[in-house]
Amino acid sequence: MAGTQEIIINRSAAYRMLLIEAGTVILSALLFFVFVSLEFACSVVLGGLAFILPNVIFVWFSLRTPVAGSSGNNTLAWFFVGEAIKIVSTIVIFAASILLVGPIAPFNIGMMFVSYGFVLLMNLAGLAILMKQ
């Protein structure tokens, strides 16, 4: 039963980190909107969504509470399913942003990727902090 409790704690920490990252993306988008332009604000939001939404899916799949009698291989399989879905959904979000949002709303593709990279670095820093605790 200790494994289940550990998964619940890890899931809570992962969701908390994702909320902090989402808040940072929203705050950054507001700052870009006020001080730069709507184009850059949209780019920040799209880049942040391309990181956050797939990671929510990943956390949901990889940190599932194990069913009674399931093996560690089952948990590992869900981890890989979550990772595969995360990669595919990230690609889909980037492609949809470029193909669908590009013609409708003004946005900067370069800034979208910079925003994605910024949130990725935030995630790595958060993981490093959690690993030290």
C-alpha atoms as a PDB file:
ATOM      1  CA  MET A   1       0.000   0.000   0.000  1.00  0.00           C
ATOM      2  CA  ALA A   2       3.014   2.296   0.403  1.00  0.00           C
ATOM      3  CA  GLY A   3       3.385   2.334  -3.391  1.00  0.00           C
ATOM      4  CA  THR A   4      -0.121   3.716  -3.840  1.00  0.00           C
ATOM      5  CA  GLN A   5       0.485   6.452  -1.272  1.00  0.00           C
ATOM      6  CA  GLU A   6       3.742   7.404  -3.009  1.00  0.00           C
ATOM      7  CA  ILE A   7       1.978   7.629  -6.380  1.00  0.00           C
ATOM      8  CA  ILE A   8      -0.686   9.915  -4.884  1.00  0.00           C
ATOM      9  CA  ILE A   9       2.013  12.199  -3.428  1.00  0.00           C
ATOM     10  CA  ASN A  10       3.930  12.247  -6.745  1.00  0.00           C
ATOM     11  CA  ARG A  11       0.745  12.975  -8.700  1.00  0.00           C
ATOM     12  CA  SER A  12      -0.054  15.863  -6.376  1.00  0.00           C
ATOM     13  CA  ALA A  13       3.458  17.305  -6.786  1.00  0.00           C
ATOM     14  CA  ALA A  14       3.294  16.916 -10.573  1.00  0.00           C
ATOM     15  CA  TYR A  15      -0.070  18.666 -10.830  1.00  0.00           C
ATOM     16  CA  ARG A  16       1.155  21.433  -8.517  1.00  0.00           C
ATOM     17  CA  MET A  17       4.175  21.959 -10.778  1.00  0.00           C
ATOM     18  CA  LEU A  18       1.940  22.070 -13.858  1.00  0.00           C
ATOM     19  CA  LEU A  19      -0.295  24.672 -12.187  1.00  0.00           C
ATOM     20  CA  ILE A  20       2.740  26.831 -11.402  1.00  0.00           C
ATOM     21  CA  GLU A  21       3.889  26.505 -15.014  1.00  0.00           C
ATOM     22  CA  ALA A  22       0.415  27.388 -16.313  1.00  0.00           C
ATOM     23  CA  GLY A  23       0.298  30.428 -14.053  1.00  0.00           C
ATOM     24  CA  THR A  24       3.696  31.520 -15.320  1.00  0.00           C
ATOM     25  CA  VAL A  25       2.557  31.164 -18.939  1.00  0.00           C
ATOM     26  CA  ILE A  26      -0.568  33.236 -18.255  1.00  0.00           C
ATOM     27  CA  LEU A  27       1.420  35.928 -16.425  1.00  0.00           C
ATOM     28  CA  SER A  28       4.022  36.011 -19.215  1.00  0.00           C
ATOM     29  CA  ALA A  29       1.291  36.292 -21.847  1.00  0.00           C
ATOM     30  CA  LEU A  30      -0.301  39.193 -19.972  1.00  0.00           C
ATOM     31  CA  LEU A  31       3.046  40.969 -19.703  1.00  0.00           C
ATOM     32  CA  PHE A  32       3.751  40.453 -23.399  1.00  0.00           C
ATOM     33  CA  PHE A  33       0.254  41.686 -24.259  1.00  0.00           C
ATOM     34  CA  VAL A  34       0.645  44.855 -22.188  1.00  0.00           C
ATOM     35  CA  PHE A  35       4.248  45.701 -23.061  1.00  0.00           C
ATOM     36  CA  VAL A  36       4.832  44.176 -26.521  1.00  0.00           C
ATOM     37  CA  SER A  37       1.883  43.006 -28.624  1.00  0.00           C
ATOM     38  CA  LEU A  38      -1.017  40.606 -28.968  1.00  0.00           C
ATOM     39  CA  GLU A  39       1.049  38.601 -31.465  1.00  0.00           C
ATOM     40  CA  PHE A  40       3.666  37.732 -28.852  1.00  0.00           C
ATOM     41  CA  ALA A  41       1.036  37.067 -26.172  1.00  0.00           C
ATOM     42  CA  CYS A  42      -0.710  34.530 -28.427  1.00  0.00           C
ATOM     43  CA  SER A  43       2.642  32.914 -29.179  1.00  0.00           C
ATOM     44  CA  VAL A  44       3.450  32.556 -25.481  1.00  0.00           C
ATOM     45  CA  VAL A  45       0.073  30.949 -24.783  1.00  0.00           C
ATOM     46  CA  LEU A  46       0.364  28.499 -27.692  1.00  0.00           C
ATOM     47  CA  GLY A  47       3.909  27.489 -26.719  1.00  0.00           C
ATOM     48  CA  GLY A  48       2.885  27.028 -23.107  1.00  0.00           C
ATOM     49  CA  LEU A  49      -0.132  24.945 -24.079  1.00  0.00           C
ATOM     50  CA  ALA A  50       2.066  22.769 -26.287  1.00  0.00           C
ATOM     51  CA  PHE A  51       4.009  21.829 -23.156  1.00  0.00           C
ATOM     52  CA  ILE A  52       1.381  21.841 -20.412  1.00  0.00           C
ATOM     53  CA  LEU A  53      -1.519  19.939 -22.026  1.00  0.00           C
ATOM     54  CA  PRO A  54       0.588  16.933 -23.126  1.00  0.00           C
ATOM     55  CA  ASN A  55       2.204  16.809 -19.693  1.00  0.00           C
ATOM     56  CA  VAL A  56      -1.180  16.741 -17.981  1.00  0.00           C
ATOM     57  CA  ILE A  57      -2.009  13.715 -20.136  1.00  0.00           C
ATOM     58  CA  PHE A  58       1.351  12.152 -19.285  1.00  0.00           C
ATOM     59  CA  VAL A  59       0.873  12.616 -15.538  1.00  0.00           C
ATOM     60  CA  TRP A  60      -2.626  11.187 -15.757  1.00  0.00           C
ATOM     61  CA  PHE A  61      -1.427   8.041 -17.553  1.00  0.00           C
ATOM     62  CA  SER A  62       1.932   7.482 -15.863  1.00  0.00           C
ATOM     63  CA  LEU A  63       0.853   8.122 -12.275  1.00  0.00           C
ATOM     64  CA  ARG A  64      -2.277   6.014 -12.286  1.00  0.00           C
ATOM     65  CA  THR A  65      -3.122   4.389  -8.985  1.00  0.00           C
ATOM     66  CA  PRO A  66      -2.308   0.697  -9.421  1.00  0.00           C
ATOM     67  CA  VAL A  67      -5.213  -1.727  -9.364  1.00  0.00           C
ATOM     68  CA  ALA A  68      -5.033  -4.404  -6.670  1.00  0.00           C
ATOM     69  CA  GLY A  69      -3.090  -7.372  -8.011  1.00  0.00           C
ATOM     70  CA  SER A  70      -1.439  -5.472 -10.878  1.00  0.00           C
ATOM     71  CA  SER A  71       2.271  -5.875 -11.471  1.00  0.00           C
ATOM     72  CA  GLY A  72       5.054  -3.339 -11.808  1.00  0.00           C
ATOM     73  CA  ASN A  73       5.105  -4.142 -15.529  1.00  0.00           C
ATOM     74  CA  ASN A  74       1.553  -2.800 -15.798  1.00  0.00           C
ATOM     75  CA  THR A  75       2.652   0.488 -14.206  1.00  0.00           C
ATOM     76  CA  LEU A  76       5.645   0.675 -16.546  1.00  0.00           C
ATOM     77  CA  ALA A  77       3.407   0.021 -19.547  1.00  0.00           C
ATOM     78  CA  TRP A  78       1.147   2.940 -18.564  1.00  0.00           C
ATOM     79  CA  PHE A  79       4.235   5.128 -18.216  1.00  0.00           C
ATOM     80  CA  PHE A  80       5.257   4.365 -21.800  1.00  0.00           C
ATOM     81  CA  VAL A  81       1.688   4.868 -23.061  1.00  0.00           C
ATOM     82  CA  GLY A  82       1.621   8.268 -21.367  1.00  0.00           C
ATOM     83  CA  GLU A  83       4.988   9.225 -22.840  1.00  0.00           C
ATOM     84  CA  ALA A  84       3.939   8.189 -26.359  1.00  0.00           C
ATOM     85  CA  ILE A  85       0.692  10.145 -26.121  1.00  0.00           C
ATOM     86  CA  LYS A  86       2.618  13.146 -24.764  1.00  0.00           C
ATOM     87  CA  ILE A  87       5.011  13.179 -27.724  1.00  0.00           C
ATOM     88  CA  VAL A  88       2.258  12.772 -30.314  1.00  0.00           C
ATOM     89  CA  SER A  89       0.007  15.394 -28.710  1.00  0.00           C
ATOM     90  CA  THR A  90       2.893  17.887 -28.540  1.00  0.00           C
ATOM     91  CA  ILE A  91       3.482  17.469 -32.268  1.00  0.00           C
ATOM     92  CA  VAL A  92      -0.249  17.767 -32.968  1.00  0.00           C
ATOM     93  CA  ILE A  93      -0.543  20.976 -30.921  1.00  0.00           C
ATOM     94  CA  PHE A  94       2.428  22.563 -32.711  1.00  0.00           C
ATOM     95  CA  ALA A  95       1.088  21.528 -36.115  1.00  0.00           C
ATOM     96  CA  ALA A  96      -2.435  22.733 -35.301  1.00  0.00           C
ATOM     97  CA  SER A  97      -1.057  26.033 -34.039  1.00  0.00           C
ATOM     98  CA  ILE A  98       0.891  26.629 -37.219  1.00  0.00           C
ATOM     99  CA  LEU A  99      -1.761  25.407 -39.654  1.00  0.00           C
ATOM    100  CA  LEU A 100      -4.991  26.527 -37.982  1.00  0.00           C
ATOM    101  CA  VAL A 101      -4.178  29.479 -35.750  1.00  0.00           C
ATOM    102  CA  GLY A 102      -1.568  31.057 -38.027  1.00  0.00           C
ATOM    103  CA  PRO A 103      -4.001  32.213 -40.724  1.00  0.00           C
ATOM    104  CA  ILE A 104      -6.632  33.379 -38.177  1.00  0.00           C
ATOM    105  CA  ALA A 105      -4.753  35.131 -35.381  1.00  0.00           C
ATOM    106  CA  PRO A 106      -1.415  36.895 -35.406  1.00  0.00           C
ATOM    107  CA  PHE A 107       1.330  34.909 -33.749  1.00  0.00           C
ATOM    108  CA  ASN A 108       5.084  34.483 -33.941  1.00  0.00           C
ATOM    109  CA  ILE A 109       6.292  30.905 -34.505  1.00  0.00           C
ATOM    110  CA  GLY A 110       9.730  31.609 -33.059  1.00  0.00           C
ATOM    111  CA  MET A 111       8.260  33.027 -29.863  1.00  0.00           C
ATOM    112  CA  MET A 112       5.984  29.990 -29.578  1.00  0.00           C
ATOM    113  CA  PHE A 113       9.029  27.702 -29.523  1.00  0.00           C
ATOM    114  CA  VAL A 114      10.862  30.015 -27.100  1.00  0.00           C
ATOM    115  CA  SER A 115       7.863  29.863 -24.770  1.00  0.00           C
ATOM    116  CA  TYR A 116       7.814  26.061 -25.024  1.00  0.00           C
ATOM    117  CA  GLY A 117      11.524  25.939 -24.197  1.00  0.00           C
ATOM    118  CA  PHE A 118      11.067  28.297 -21.247  1.00  0.00           C
ATOM    119  CA  VAL A 119       8.342  26.137 -19.712  1.00  0.00           C
ATOM    120  CA  LEU A 120      10.468  23.043 -20.376  1.00  0.00           C
ATOM    121  CA  LEU A 121      13.375  24.627 -18.482  1.00  0.00           C
ATOM    122  CA  MET A 122      11.001  25.547 -15.650  1.00  0.00           C
ATOM    123  CA  ASN A 123       9.896  21.919 -15.493  1.00  0.00           C
ATOM    124  CA  LEU A 124      13.495  20.664 -15.374  1.00  0.00           C
ATOM    125  CA  ALA A 125      14.342  23.159 -12.620  1.00  0.00           C
ATOM    126  CA  GLY A 126      11.284  22.053 -10.655  1.00  0.00           C
ATOM    127  CA  LEU A 127      12.265  18.402 -11.019  1.00  0.00           C
ATOM    128  CA  ALA A 128      15.792  19.179  -9.837  1.00  0.00           C
ATOM    129  CA  ILE A 129      14.402  20.947  -6.773  1.00  0.00           C
ATOM    130  CA  LEU A 130      12.041  18.040  -6.025  1.00  0.00           C
ATOM    131  CA  MET A 131      14.879  15.515  -6.395  1.00  0.00           C
ATOM    132  CA  LYS A 132      16.979  17.351  -3.774  1.00  0.00           C
ATOM    133  CA  GLN A 133      14.156  17.212  -1.213  1.00  0.00           C
END
